[in-house]
Protein backbone atom coordinates (compact mmCIF):
# COMPACT_ATOMS: atom_id res chain seq x y z
CA MET A 1 -0.02 -0.01 0.00
CA ALA A 2 1.46 3.36 -1.08
CA GLY A 3 2.01 6.02 1.65
CA GLU A 4 -0.94 8.17 0.47
CA ASP A 5 -3.30 5.06 0.31
CA LYS A 6 -2.10 4.10 3.81
CA HIS A 7 -2.96 7.54 5.11
CA ILE A 8 -6.30 7.52 3.45
CA HIS A 9 -7.20 4.12 4.91
CA GLU A 10 -6.04 5.34 8.37
CA LEU A 11 -8.13 8.46 8.01
CA GLU A 12 -11.13 6.35 6.89
CA LYS A 13 -10.91 4.09 9.98
CA LYS A 14 -10.66 7.15 12.31
CA ILE A 15 -13.49 8.99 10.70
CA SER A 16 -15.74 5.91 10.72
CA ALA A 17 -14.90 5.13 14.34
CA LEU A 18 -15.74 8.74 15.39
CA SER A 19 -18.94 8.70 13.33
CA ASP A 20 -19.99 5.48 15.09
CA ALA A 21 -19.20 6.97 18.48
CA LEU A 22 -21.09 10.17 17.76
CA ALA A 23 -24.09 8.26 16.53
CA HIS A 24 -24.21 6.11 19.65
CA LEU A 25 -23.68 9.31 21.85
CA GLY A 26 -26.57 11.00 20.00
CA LYS A 27 -29.13 8.38 21.12
CA GLY A 28 -29.20 10.05 24.47
CA THR A 29 -30.23 6.92 26.39
CA THR A 30 -27.91 7.78 29.36
CA LEU A 31 -29.47 11.24 29.71
CA GLN A 32 -33.06 9.79 29.37
CA GLU A 33 -32.25 7.51 32.27
CA LEU A 34 -30.86 10.36 34.26
CA LEU A 35 -34.20 12.19 33.65
CA ARG A 36 -35.98 9.27 35.06
CA ILE A 37 -33.75 9.05 38.17
CA ILE A 38 -33.75 12.68 39.13
CA ARG A 39 -37.48 12.46 39.88
CA PHE A 40 -36.99 10.02 42.71
CA PRO A 41 -37.72 11.53 46.14
CA GLY A 42 -34.60 12.78 47.94
CA TYR A 43 -32.46 12.37 44.79
CA THR A 44 -30.30 15.46 45.35
CA THR A 45 -28.85 17.60 48.02
CA PRO A 46 -27.78 21.19 47.38
CA ALA A 47 -24.23 20.02 46.80
CA GLU A 48 -25.17 17.23 44.50
CA PHE A 49 -27.42 19.77 42.60
CA THR A 50 -24.36 22.00 42.13
CA PHE A 51 -22.28 19.08 40.88
CA ASN A 52 -24.96 18.01 38.45
CA VAL A 53 -25.44 21.41 37.12
CA ALA A 54 -21.70 21.84 36.63
CA ILE A 55 -21.34 18.44 34.84
CA LEU A 56 -24.31 19.04 32.61
CA ASP A 57 -23.20 22.59 31.60
CA THR A 58 -19.68 21.26 30.76
CA MET A 59 -21.11 18.42 28.80
CA LEU A 60 -23.19 20.81 26.76
CA VAL A 61 -20.21 23.06 26.08
CA GLN A 62 -18.17 20.10 24.93
CA ALA A 63 -20.88 18.82 22.77
CA ASN A 64 -21.27 22.17 21.02
CA ALA A 65 -17.52 22.54 20.64
CA LEU A 66 -17.32 19.05 19.10
CA GLU A 67 -20.06 20.01 16.63
CA LYS A 68 -18.24 23.22 15.71
CA LEU A 69 -14.97 21.43 15.29
CA GLY A 70 -16.58 18.86 13.05
CA GLN A 71 -18.02 21.74 10.92
CA ASP A 72 -14.60 23.51 10.81
CA LEU A 73 -12.84 20.20 9.81
CA LEU A 74 -15.33 19.59 6.98
CA ALA A 75 -14.95 23.30 5.85
CA GLY A 76 -11.26 23.02 5.73
CA ALA A 77 -11.45 19.64 3.87
CA LYS A 78 -13.63 21.30 1.20
CA GLN A 79 -10.99 23.96 0.65
CA VAL A 80 -8.29 21.52 0.11
CA VAL A 81 -9.96 19.25 -2.38
CA VAL A 82 -9.99 20.27 -6.07
CA LYS A 83 -13.61 20.33 -7.29
CA GLN A 84 -14.12 17.88 -10.03
């Protein structure tokens, strides 16, 4: 396998793996379960509430950053490729 073909193959594997991971992440089953659990009586103390809010806020920031990074990666790739 030539160097360029090897690079393309490696990128294909990584892109596919990331796509699969994001598709699984996007199902939201973990957070749906969390929505169920938080309704139990006595679920959270003020401290636990603070931790939960901080974690959820950070997760949302990271999800938005990941979306933006993916869009930027695609935009850059489109600038590199010669249109055929």
